[in-house]
């Protein structure tokens, strides 16, 4: 009888111990779930902080324009549209770049310094904000920029000989008329330039290996057609950038006299 009572007591103690273990396990599961939730929240907070703390992506493209220092050569691009927000483009030269060959100053390493900061959106034939603003423009030692325009400065000709030119232009006439590209002209002679953008895609340019035209784009409609092309511009015909609707500094800009 005593043995049976001992067995019963042992079973009762075991059941009680099992209940305690089960209760502790439930408590641990609850604590681990809360701990996992805290870790997930911290990870989310860290990810959000990193995302907010990351600087804007910069896409850098270095180009070299040969040819003659007595000419400016065409450069053309498209700002991103509303889907990407405002486009930022910086065109820069450290003043001593190309000092080994001295294409502009034969007696000094000081060749040409340039800082041109632009903001823009899309191009003239796009349906979005469509603008370009010069935020900062500074040149030193020698001028390097000409004919900066929201609609790239170019010449026009017919695509279809049987149709008139678009918007009544004269064949071979020149102006800020390329409605599918933004553009500028940069001085040649053996100069390095750096483009820094906040959107992907390279800027197109004439590398100066000849003085021939570069075709930009063309369009044909029911009652008209047009091809836009760009040719190097003589230094004597330079048009310095002057449009600065929201300036930071150096505005109004006065081109150097020498």
C-alpha atoms as a PDB file:
ATOM      1  CA  UNK A   1       0.000   0.000   0.000  1.00  0.00           C
ATOM      2  CA  UNK A   2       2.854   2.332   0.904  1.00  0.00           C
ATOM      3  CA  UNK A   3       4.494   1.589  -2.454  1.00  0.00           C
ATOM      4  CA  UNK A   4       1.332   2.474  -4.331  1.00  0.00           C
ATOM      5  CA  UNK A   5       1.085   5.745  -2.421  1.00  0.00           C
ATOM      6  CA  UNK A   6       4.699   6.578  -3.232  1.00  0.00           C
ATOM      7  CA  UNK A   7       4.048   5.919  -6.935  1.00  0.00           C
ATOM      8  CA  UNK A   8       0.967   8.128  -6.857  1.00  0.00           C
ATOM      9  CA  UNK A   9       2.898  10.888  -5.145  1.00  0.00           C
ATOM     10  CA  UNK A  10       5.678  10.583  -7.746  1.00  0.00           C
ATOM     11  CA  UNK A  11       3.201  10.843 -10.602  1.00  0.00           C
ATOM     12  CA  UNK A  12       1.592  13.875  -9.003  1.00  0.00           C
ATOM     13  CA  UNK A  13       5.012  15.524  -8.572  1.00  0.00           C
ATOM     14  CA  UNK A  14       5.931  14.726 -12.174  1.00  0.00           C
ATOM     15  CA  UNK A  15       2.672  16.233 -13.448  1.00  0.00           C
ATOM     16  CA  UNK A  16       3.301  19.351 -11.399  1.00  0.00           C
ATOM     17  CA  UNK A  17       6.862  19.617 -12.720  1.00  0.00           C
ATOM     18  CA  UNK A  18       5.621  19.140 -16.294  1.00  0.00           C
ATOM     19  CA  UNK A  19       3.106  21.942 -15.791  1.00  0.00           C
ATOM     20  CA  UNK A  20       5.863  24.236 -14.516  1.00  0.00           C
ATOM     21  CA  UNK A  21       8.084  23.384 -17.501  1.00  0.00           C
ATOM     22  CA  UNK A  22       5.210  23.970 -19.930  1.00  0.00           C
ATOM     23  CA  UNK A  23       4.454  27.324 -18.317  1.00  0.00           C
ATOM     24  CA  UNK A  24       8.108  28.364 -18.499  1.00  0.00           C
ATOM     25  CA  UNK A  25       8.280  27.283 -22.144  1.00  0.00           C
ATOM     26  CA  UNK A  26       5.245  29.422 -22.952  1.00  0.00           C
ATOM     27  CA  UNK A  27       6.839  32.363 -21.161  1.00  0.00           C
ATOM     28  CA  UNK A  28      10.072  31.866 -23.098  1.00  0.00           C
ATOM     29  CA  UNK A  29       8.180  31.632 -26.401  1.00  0.00           C
ATOM     30  CA  UNK A  30       6.364  34.867 -25.590  1.00  0.00           C
ATOM     31  CA  UNK A  31       9.608  36.592 -24.616  1.00  0.00           C
ATOM     32  CA  UNK A  32      11.387  35.348 -27.764  1.00  0.00           C
ATOM     33  CA  UNK A  33       8.512  36.567 -29.960  1.00  0.00           C
ATOM     34  CA  UNK A  34       8.728  40.008 -28.354  1.00  0.00           C
ATOM     35  CA  UNK A  35      12.518  39.939 -28.749  1.00  0.00           C
ATOM     36  CA  UNK A  36      12.194  38.997 -32.450  1.00  0.00           C
ATOM     37  CA  UNK A  37       9.719  41.834 -32.981  1.00  0.00           C
ATOM     38  CA  UNK A  38      12.126  44.304 -31.337  1.00  0.00           C
ATOM     39  CA  UNK A  39      14.993  43.072 -33.521  1.00  0.00           C
ATOM     40  CA  UNK A  40      12.848  43.380 -36.678  1.00  0.00           C
ATOM     41  CA  UNK A  41      11.856  46.925 -35.658  1.00  0.00           C
ATOM     42  CA  UNK A  42      15.492  47.865 -35.029  1.00  0.00           C
ATOM     43  CA  UNK A  43      16.522  46.411 -38.392  1.00  0.00           C
ATOM     44  CA  UNK A  44      13.791  48.424 -40.092  1.00  0.00           C
ATOM     45  CA  UNK A  45      14.898  51.572 -38.263  1.00  0.00           C
ATOM     46  CA  UNK A  46      18.519  50.988 -39.320  1.00  0.00           C
ATOM     47  CA  UNK A  47      17.508  50.370 -42.951  1.00  0.00           C
ATOM     48  CA  UNK A  48      15.446  53.568 -42.990  1.00  0.00           C
ATOM     49  CA  UNK A  49      18.303  55.529 -41.427  1.00  0.00           C
ATOM     50  CA  UNK A  50      20.803  54.213 -43.974  1.00  0.00           C
ATOM     51  CA  UNK A  51      18.417  55.008 -46.819  1.00  0.00           C
ATOM     52  CA  UNK A  52      17.891  58.558 -45.563  1.00  0.00           C
ATOM     53  CA  UNK A  53      21.581  59.067 -44.812  1.00  0.00           C
ATOM     54  CA  UNK A  54      22.810  57.907 -48.228  1.00  0.00           C
ATOM     55  CA  UNK A  55      24.027  60.781 -50.414  1.00  0.00           C
ATOM     56  CA  UNK A  56      22.536  61.344 -53.835  1.00  0.00           C
ATOM     57  CA  UNK A  57      24.117  59.077 -56.440  1.00  0.00           C
ATOM     58  CA  UNK A  58      26.634  60.811 -58.701  1.00  0.00           C
ATOM     59  CA  UNK A  59      27.366  59.513 -62.183  1.00  0.00           C
ATOM     60  CA  UNK A  60      30.705  60.791 -63.474  1.00  0.00           C
ATOM     61  CA  UNK A  61      31.772  60.882 -67.117  1.00  0.00           C
ATOM     62  CA  UNK A  62      35.122  62.273 -68.253  1.00  0.00           C
ATOM     63  CA  UNK A  63      35.511  63.301 -71.893  1.00  0.00           C
ATOM     64  CA  UNK A  64      38.348  64.659 -74.021  1.00  0.00           C
ATOM     65  CA  UNK A  65      37.779  67.085 -76.874  1.00  0.00           C
ATOM     66  CA  UNK A  66      40.584  67.387 -79.380  1.00  0.00           C
ATOM     67  CA  UNK A  67      40.451  69.416 -82.549  1.00  0.00           C
ATOM     68  CA  UNK A  68      41.256  73.105 -82.485  1.00  0.00           C
ATOM     69  CA  UNK A  69      41.252  75.532 -79.557  1.00  0.00           C
ATOM     70  CA  UNK A  70      39.725  78.017 -81.994  1.00  0.00           C
ATOM     71  CA  UNK A  71      36.467  76.051 -82.088  1.00  0.00           C
ATOM     72  CA  UNK A  72      33.706  74.984 -79.722  1.00  0.00           C
ATOM     73  CA  UNK A  73      32.296  71.493 -80.268  1.00  0.00           C
ATOM     74  CA  UNK A  74      28.701  70.361 -79.640  1.00  0.00           C
ATOM     75  CA  UNK A  75      27.581  68.442 -76.559  1.00  0.00           C
ATOM     76  CA  UNK A  76      24.005  67.215 -76.126  1.00  0.00           C
ATOM     77  CA  UNK A  77      21.900  65.303 -73.582  1.00  0.00           C
ATOM     78  CA  UNK A  78      18.407  64.992 -72.114  1.00  0.00           C
ATOM     79  CA  UNK A  79      17.524  65.917 -68.567  1.00  0.00           C
ATOM     80  CA  UNK A  80      15.374  63.263 -66.812  1.00  0.00           C
ATOM     81  CA  UNK A  81      11.623  63.857 -66.785  1.00  0.00           C
ATOM     82  CA  UNK A  82       9.204  64.253 -63.859  1.00  0.00           C
ATOM     83  CA  UNK A  83       9.396  60.562 -62.940  1.00  0.00           C
ATOM     84  CA  UNK A  84      13.003  61.075 -61.799  1.00  0.00           C
ATOM     85  CA  UNK A  85      12.491  64.528 -60.292  1.00  0.00           C
ATOM     86  CA  UNK A  86      14.851  67.387 -61.060  1.00  0.00           C
ATOM     87  CA  UNK A  87      17.977  66.679 -63.049  1.00  0.00           C
ATOM     88  CA  UNK A  88      21.326  68.039 -61.877  1.00  0.00           C
ATOM     89  CA  UNK A  89      24.302  68.406 -64.192  1.00  0.00           C
ATOM     90  CA  UNK A  90      27.712  69.839 -63.365  1.00  0.00           C
ATOM     91  CA  UNK A  91      30.326  70.443 -66.055  1.00  0.00           C
ATOM     92  CA  UNK A  92      33.758  70.960 -64.540  1.00  0.00           C
ATOM     93  CA  UNK A  93      37.434  71.405 -65.258  1.00  0.00           C
ATOM     94  CA  UNK A  94      40.247  71.671 -62.757  1.00  0.00           C
ATOM     95  CA  UNK A  95      42.294  74.667 -63.893  1.00  0.00           C
ATOM     96  CA  UNK A  96      45.493  72.616 -64.272  1.00  0.00           C
ATOM     97  CA  UNK A  97      44.084  69.729 -66.311  1.00  0.00           C
ATOM     98  CA  UNK A  98      46.046  69.258 -69.556  1.00  0.00           C
ATOM     99  CA  UNK A  99      48.943  71.302 -68.195  1.00  0.00           C
ATOM    100  CA  UNK A 100      51.262  68.653 -69.600  1.00  0.00           C
ATOM    101  CA  UNK A 101      50.347  69.594 -73.167  1.00  0.00           C
ATOM    102  CA  UNK A 102      49.428  73.270 -72.508  1.00  0.00           C
ATOM    103  CA  UNK A 103      46.824  73.609 -75.281  1.00  0.00           C
ATOM    104  CA  UNK A 104      45.627  77.078 -74.178  1.00  0.00           C
ATOM    105  CA  UNK A 105      48.443  78.667 -72.147  1.00  0.00           C
ATOM    106  CA  UNK A 106      51.825  77.714 -73.584  1.00  0.00           C
ATOM    107  CA  UNK A 107      53.828  79.236 -70.712  1.00  0.00           C
ATOM    108  CA  UNK A 108      51.729  78.180 -67.697  1.00  0.00           C
ATOM    109  CA  UNK A 109      50.079  75.150 -66.174  1.00  0.00           C
ATOM    110  CA  UNK A 110      46.982  77.278 -65.592  1.00  0.00           C
ATOM    111  CA  UNK A 111      44.868  76.224 -68.584  1.00  0.00           C
ATOM    112  CA  UNK A 112      41.162  76.717 -67.899  1.00  0.00           C
ATOM    113  CA  UNK A 113      39.014  76.355 -64.795  1.00  0.00           C
ATOM    114  CA  UNK A 114      35.296  75.688 -65.224  1.00  0.00           C
ATOM    115  CA  UNK A 115      32.357  75.091 -62.891  1.00  0.00           C
ATOM    116  CA  UNK A 116      28.942  75.121 -64.529  1.00  0.00           C
ATOM    117  CA  UNK A 117      26.043  73.824 -62.420  1.00  0.00           C
ATOM    118  CA  UNK A 118      22.691  73.240 -64.096  1.00  0.00           C
ATOM    119  CA  UNK A 119      19.279  72.041 -63.007  1.00  0.00           C
ATOM    120  CA  UNK A 120      16.741  70.908 -65.554  1.00  0.00           C
ATOM    121  CA  UNK A 121      13.844  68.702 -66.490  1.00  0.00           C
ATOM    122  CA  UNK A 122      13.131  66.870 -69.743  1.00  0.00           C
ATOM    123  CA  UNK A 123      13.412  68.623 -73.137  1.00  0.00           C
ATOM    124  CA  UNK A 124      11.290  70.932 -75.269  1.00  0.00           C
ATOM    125  CA  UNK A 125       9.106  68.230 -76.848  1.00  0.00           C
ATOM    126  CA  UNK A 126       8.484  66.421 -73.561  1.00  0.00           C
ATOM    127  CA  UNK A 127       5.240  66.929 -71.637  1.00  0.00           C
ATOM    128  CA  UNK A 128       6.725  67.467 -68.183  1.00  0.00           C
ATOM    129  CA  UNK A 129       8.204  70.472 -66.356  1.00  0.00           C
ATOM    130  CA  UNK A 130      10.643  71.316 -69.178  1.00  0.00           C
ATOM    131  CA  UNK A 131      13.146  73.849 -67.860  1.00  0.00           C
ATOM    132  CA  UNK A 132      16.845  74.561 -67.414  1.00  0.00           C
ATOM    133  CA  UNK A 133      18.400  76.914 -64.871  1.00  0.00           C
ATOM    134  CA  UNK A 134      22.016  77.929 -64.436  1.00  0.00           C
ATOM    135  CA  UNK A 135      22.707  77.609 -60.731  1.00  0.00           C
ATOM    136  CA  UNK A 136      26.369  78.613 -60.840  1.00  0.00           C
ATOM    137  CA  UNK A 137      28.804  79.518 -63.601  1.00  0.00           C
ATOM    138  CA  UNK A 138      32.472  80.273 -63.135  1.00  0.00           C
ATOM    139  CA  UNK A 139      35.341  80.276 -65.629  1.00  0.00           C
ATOM    140  CA  UNK A 140      38.973  81.182 -65.033  1.00  0.00           C
ATOM    141  CA  UNK A 141      42.041  81.717 -67.226  1.00  0.00           C
ATOM    142  CA  UNK A 142      40.304  80.830 -70.505  1.00  0.00           C
ATOM    143  CA  UNK A 143      36.665  80.551 -71.673  1.00  0.00           C
ATOM    144  CA  UNK A 144      35.462  77.046 -72.447  1.00  0.00           C
ATOM    145  CA  UNK A 145      31.644  77.150 -72.795  1.00  0.00           C
ATOM    146  CA  UNK A 146      29.406  78.536 -75.525  1.00  0.00           C
ATOM    147  CA  UNK A 147      25.815  78.367 -76.799  1.00  0.00           C
ATOM    148  CA  UNK A 148      24.268  76.734 -73.724  1.00  0.00           C
ATOM    149  CA  UNK A 149      20.574  76.169 -74.444  1.00  0.00           C
ATOM    150  CA  UNK A 150      17.609  74.136 -73.192  1.00  0.00           C
ATOM    151  CA  UNK A 151      16.860  73.298 -76.839  1.00  0.00           C
ATOM    152  CA  UNK A 152      20.225  72.406 -78.323  1.00  0.00           C
ATOM    153  CA  UNK A 153      21.701  75.005 -80.676  1.00  0.00           C
ATOM    154  CA  UNK A 154      21.784  73.378 -84.115  1.00  0.00           C
ATOM    155  CA  UNK A 155      21.148  73.659 -87.832  1.00  0.00           C
ATOM    156  CA  UNK A 156      18.159  72.212 -89.668  1.00  0.00           C
ATOM    157  CA  UNK A 157      17.500  70.518 -92.973  1.00  0.00           C
ATOM    158  CA  UNK A 158      14.724  68.521 -94.584  1.00  0.00           C
ATOM    159  CA  UNK A 159      14.390  64.796 -94.080  1.00  0.00           C
ATOM    160  CA  UNK A 160      11.844  64.558 -96.886  1.00  0.00           C
ATOM    161  CA  UNK A 161      12.586  66.767 -99.883  1.00  0.00           C
ATOM    162  CA  UNK A 162       8.876  66.878-100.770  1.00  0.00           C
ATOM    163  CA  UNK A 163       7.831  68.333 -97.400  1.00  0.00           C
ATOM    164  CA  UNK A 164       8.557  71.787 -95.995  1.00  0.00           C
ATOM    165  CA  UNK A 165      10.810  72.185 -93.007  1.00  0.00           C
ATOM    166  CA  UNK A 166       9.181  71.936 -89.599  1.00  0.00           C
ATOM    167  CA  UNK A 167       7.798  75.277 -88.285  1.00  0.00           C
ATOM    168  CA  UNK A 168       8.850  77.101 -91.438  1.00  0.00           C
ATOM    169  CA  UNK A 169      12.601  77.207 -90.933  1.00  0.00           C
ATOM    170  CA  UNK A 170      14.973  77.830 -93.816  1.00  0.00           C
ATOM    171  CA  UNK A 171      17.192  74.958 -94.887  1.00  0.00           C
ATOM    172  CA  UNK A 172      20.584  75.304 -93.203  1.00  0.00           C
ATOM    173  CA  UNK A 173      19.417  77.971 -90.746  1.00  0.00           C
ATOM    174  CA  UNK A 174      20.794  77.850 -87.215  1.00  0.00           C
ATOM    175  CA  UNK A 175      19.350  78.482 -83.771  1.00  0.00           C
ATOM    176  CA  UNK A 176      18.301  76.907 -80.457  1.00  0.00           C
ATOM    177  CA  UNK A 177      15.921  74.625 -82.293  1.00  0.00           C
ATOM    178  CA  UNK A 178      16.648  70.989 -81.478  1.00  0.00           C
ATOM    179  CA  UNK A 179      13.543  70.210 -79.452  1.00  0.00           C
ATOM    180  CA  UNK A 180      14.659  66.712 -78.492  1.00  0.00           C
ATOM    181  CA  UNK A 181      17.939  67.575 -76.772  1.00  0.00           C
ATOM    182  CA  UNK A 182      19.505  70.052 -74.381  1.00  0.00           C
ATOM    183  CA  UNK A 183      22.923  71.249 -75.426  1.00  0.00           C
ATOM    184  CA  UNK A 184      26.062  73.351 -75.175  1.00  0.00           C
ATOM    185  CA  UNK A 185      29.394  73.734 -76.958  1.00  0.00           C
ATOM    186  CA  UNK A 186      32.761  73.123 -75.279  1.00  0.00           C
ATOM    187  CA  UNK A 187      36.133  74.367 -76.416  1.00  0.00           C
ATOM    188  CA  UNK A 188      38.464  71.999 -78.201  1.00  0.00           C
ATOM    189  CA  UNK A 189      42.195  71.853 -78.657  1.00  0.00           C
ATOM    190  CA  UNK A 190      42.895  68.956 -76.304  1.00  0.00           C
ATOM    191  CA  UNK A 191      40.859  69.598 -73.156  1.00  0.00           C
ATOM    192  CA  UNK A 192      39.433  67.274 -70.527  1.00  0.00           C
ATOM    193  CA  UNK A 193      35.964  67.905 -69.112  1.00  0.00           C
ATOM    194  CA  UNK A 194      34.055  66.149 -66.334  1.00  0.00           C
ATOM    195  CA  UNK A 195      30.283  65.675 -66.282  1.00  0.00           C
ATOM    196  CA  UNK A 196      28.674  64.915 -62.917  1.00  0.00           C
ATOM    197  CA  UNK A 197      24.986  63.958 -63.009  1.00  0.00           C
ATOM    198  CA  UNK A 198      22.305  62.538 -60.724  1.00  0.00           C
ATOM    199  CA  UNK A 199      20.872  60.305 -63.452  1.00  0.00           C
ATOM    200  CA  UNK A 200      22.194  57.418 -65.522  1.00  0.00           C
ATOM    201  CA  UNK A 201      23.271  57.692 -69.136  1.00  0.00           C
ATOM    202  CA  UNK A 202      26.212  59.324 -70.863  1.00  0.00           C
ATOM    203  CA  UNK A 203      26.295  62.777 -72.380  1.00  0.00           C
ATOM    204  CA  UNK A 204      26.888  62.723 -76.167  1.00  0.00           C
ATOM    205  CA  UNK A 205      29.615  64.906 -77.654  1.00  0.00           C
ATOM    206  CA  UNK A 206      31.751  65.756 -80.666  1.00  0.00           C
ATOM    207  CA  UNK A 207      35.292  64.650 -79.787  1.00  0.00           C
ATOM    208  CA  UNK A 208      36.960  67.104 -82.183  1.00  0.00           C
ATOM    209  CA  UNK A 209      38.598  64.465 -84.350  1.00  0.00           C
ATOM    210  CA  UNK A 210      37.273  66.417 -87.335  1.00  0.00           C
ATOM    211  CA  UNK A 211      35.330  69.614 -87.989  1.00  0.00           C
ATOM    212  CA  UNK A 212      32.404  67.861 -89.604  1.00  0.00           C
ATOM    213  CA  UNK A 213      28.786  67.927 -88.497  1.00  0.00           C
ATOM    214  CA  UNK A 214      27.164  65.554 -86.048  1.00  0.00           C
ATOM    215  CA  UNK A 215      23.528  64.548 -86.585  1.00  0.00           C
ATOM    216  CA  UNK A 216      21.467  64.869 -83.409  1.00  0.00           C
ATOM    217  CA  UNK A 217      18.035  63.524 -84.387  1.00  0.00           C
ATOM    218  CA  UNK A 218      15.260  63.888 -86.946  1.00  0.00           C
ATOM    219  CA  UNK A 219      11.470  63.882 -87.180  1.00  0.00           C
ATOM    220  CA  UNK A 220       8.959  63.500 -89.992  1.00  0.00           C
ATOM    221  CA  UNK A 221       5.288  64.462 -89.940  1.00  0.00           C
ATOM    222  CA  UNK A 222       2.402  64.475 -92.403  1.00  0.00           C
ATOM    223  CA  UNK A 223       3.105  68.026 -93.543  1.00  0.00           C
ATOM    224  CA  UNK A 224       6.736  68.671 -92.553  1.00  0.00           C
ATOM    225  CA  UNK A 225      10.045  67.114 -91.635  1.00  0.00           C
ATOM    226  CA  UNK A 226      13.273  68.179 -89.959  1.00  0.00           C
ATOM    227  CA  UNK A 227      16.772  66.910 -89.206  1.00  0.00           C
ATOM    228  CA  UNK A 228      18.809  68.666 -86.548  1.00  0.00           C
ATOM    229  CA  UNK A 229      22.580  68.624 -86.839  1.00  0.00           C
ATOM    230  CA  UNK A 230      25.405  70.468 -85.092  1.00  0.00           C
ATOM    231  CA  UNK A 231      28.720  71.777 -86.402  1.00  0.00           C
ATOM    232  CA  UNK A 232      31.730  73.197 -84.550  1.00  0.00           C
ATOM    233  CA  UNK A 233      31.406  76.928 -83.866  1.00  0.00           C
ATOM    234  CA  UNK A 234      34.356  79.329 -84.314  1.00  0.00           C
ATOM    235  CA  UNK A 235      35.688  80.896 -81.147  1.00  0.00           C
ATOM    236  CA  UNK A 236      34.933  84.362 -82.533  1.00  0.00           C
ATOM    237  CA  UNK A 237      31.201  83.503 -82.477  1.00  0.00           C
ATOM    238  CA  UNK A 238      31.124  82.519 -78.828  1.00  0.00           C
ATOM    239  CA  UNK A 239      27.937  83.091 -76.809  1.00  0.00           C
ATOM    240  CA  UNK A 240      28.750  82.932 -73.098  1.00  0.00           C
ATOM    241  CA  UNK A 241      26.093  81.512 -70.758  1.00  0.00           C
ATOM    242  CA  UNK A 242      24.090  84.326 -69.158  1.00  0.00           C
ATOM    243  CA  UNK A 243      20.735  82.772 -68.219  1.00  0.00           C
ATOM    244  CA  UNK A 244      20.551  82.463 -64.431  1.00  0.00           C
ATOM    245  CA  UNK A 245      17.014  82.556 -63.107  1.00  0.00           C
ATOM    246  CA  UNK A 246      17.936  81.350 -59.602  1.00  0.00           C
ATOM    247  CA  UNK A 247      21.594  82.269 -59.095  1.00  0.00           C
ATOM    248  CA  UNK A 248      23.848  81.270 -56.223  1.00  0.00           C
ATOM    249  CA  UNK A 249      26.805  83.478 -57.093  1.00  0.00           C
ATOM    250  CA  UNK A 250      28.637  85.197 -59.941  1.00  0.00           C
ATOM    251  CA  UNK A 251      25.489  86.658 -61.463  1.00  0.00           C
ATOM    252  CA  UNK A 252      25.112  88.565 -63.627  1.00  0.00           C
ATOM    253  CA  UNK A 253      28.104  86.941 -65.294  1.00  0.00           C
ATOM    254  CA  UNK A 254      30.464  89.215 -67.206  1.00  0.00           C
ATOM    255  CA  UNK A 255      32.615  87.415 -69.793  1.00  0.00           C
ATOM    256  CA  UNK A 256      36.361  88.129 -69.474  1.00  0.00           C
ATOM    257  CA  UNK A 257      37.756  90.808 -71.744  1.00  0.00           C
ATOM    258  CA  UNK A 258      40.983  88.931 -72.372  1.00  0.00           C
END
